[in-house]
Amino acid sequence: TGGSILTHEHFQGGRHVFPMMKAKDAFVIPNSKYPGIKLTYLDFYNSAFRLVGKDEQEILDLAMHINDVWQKFEDQSAGLLASSGGERHASLTSIVTKKGEDYTLYLILRNNRCDETYPDGIFHAHPEHHHIKKEGIGLIEAMGLFILPPRLKRQSALISKILARDIPADEYLAEHPDLEQFVSMINELKKRRGENVEELVRDAISEVCRNILDNTSVFKKDEVGKKALARFIKALEVN
């Protein structure tokens, strides 16, 4: 899962404040077995927990416990299999920060399972979003800051020009055939052409990025996903 190189231990560091770090808690999870840790589930696009506490070892112990349970957890209703064909599917993306004496650990639940409908990954960017981002969704994207392919800078500038001048599809496709995958998006944006075209294009790209994060969520926001999440939290047995 993700976008990291897996042939060696792979770490990234920095001081950027990501959107996930600003996310509110959806709810607090009662947690008597690790009393020094506040455990919450985030109100964010994908499926993530936040652990806050002062004891480094206690946070690590709870994180490893969540990881161990996640790697064995299955829920057919949510399309979650721990493994198939000898391949393990479940993984975690982990990010830690420290402010004062408090450690904050973010654990994003990931799954790399594929099927015929989604050969690149059920919990990966779905095909209808590949015109914006097809590459791996690493920890930076998973936390809400997208690294987009270089081609998109040129393509978004062309789309802004098309919108500003109301250029018909046959004309711009003759010169820029790679914009074929953007035709439906351009047609939709042309209906709002009176607005700032650069902002329109940027907002449309941002919307796709949010949808991609929804794709990566292992516990969807619908009733099926909520029930599966409740079963996973129960399986943690932290209270």
Foldseek 3Di string as FASTA:
>chain_A
DFADDDPDDDDDDDDDDFQLNVFDFPDWFDFPQLVQWTWTWTPAQATKIKIKGQDPVSVVVLVVLLQVLQLCDADVLLPDDQDDPPGGFWDWDWDWDDDDRMIMIMTTIFGADADPLRNRGQLAQHPLLVLWPDHGHHPRLLRPDDDTDPVVVVVLVVLLVCLQVVPDPVVVCVVPVSCPSCVVVSVVCNVVSVDRSSVSSVVVSSVSSSVRSNSNHSQHPDPSSVVSVVVSSVSSPRD
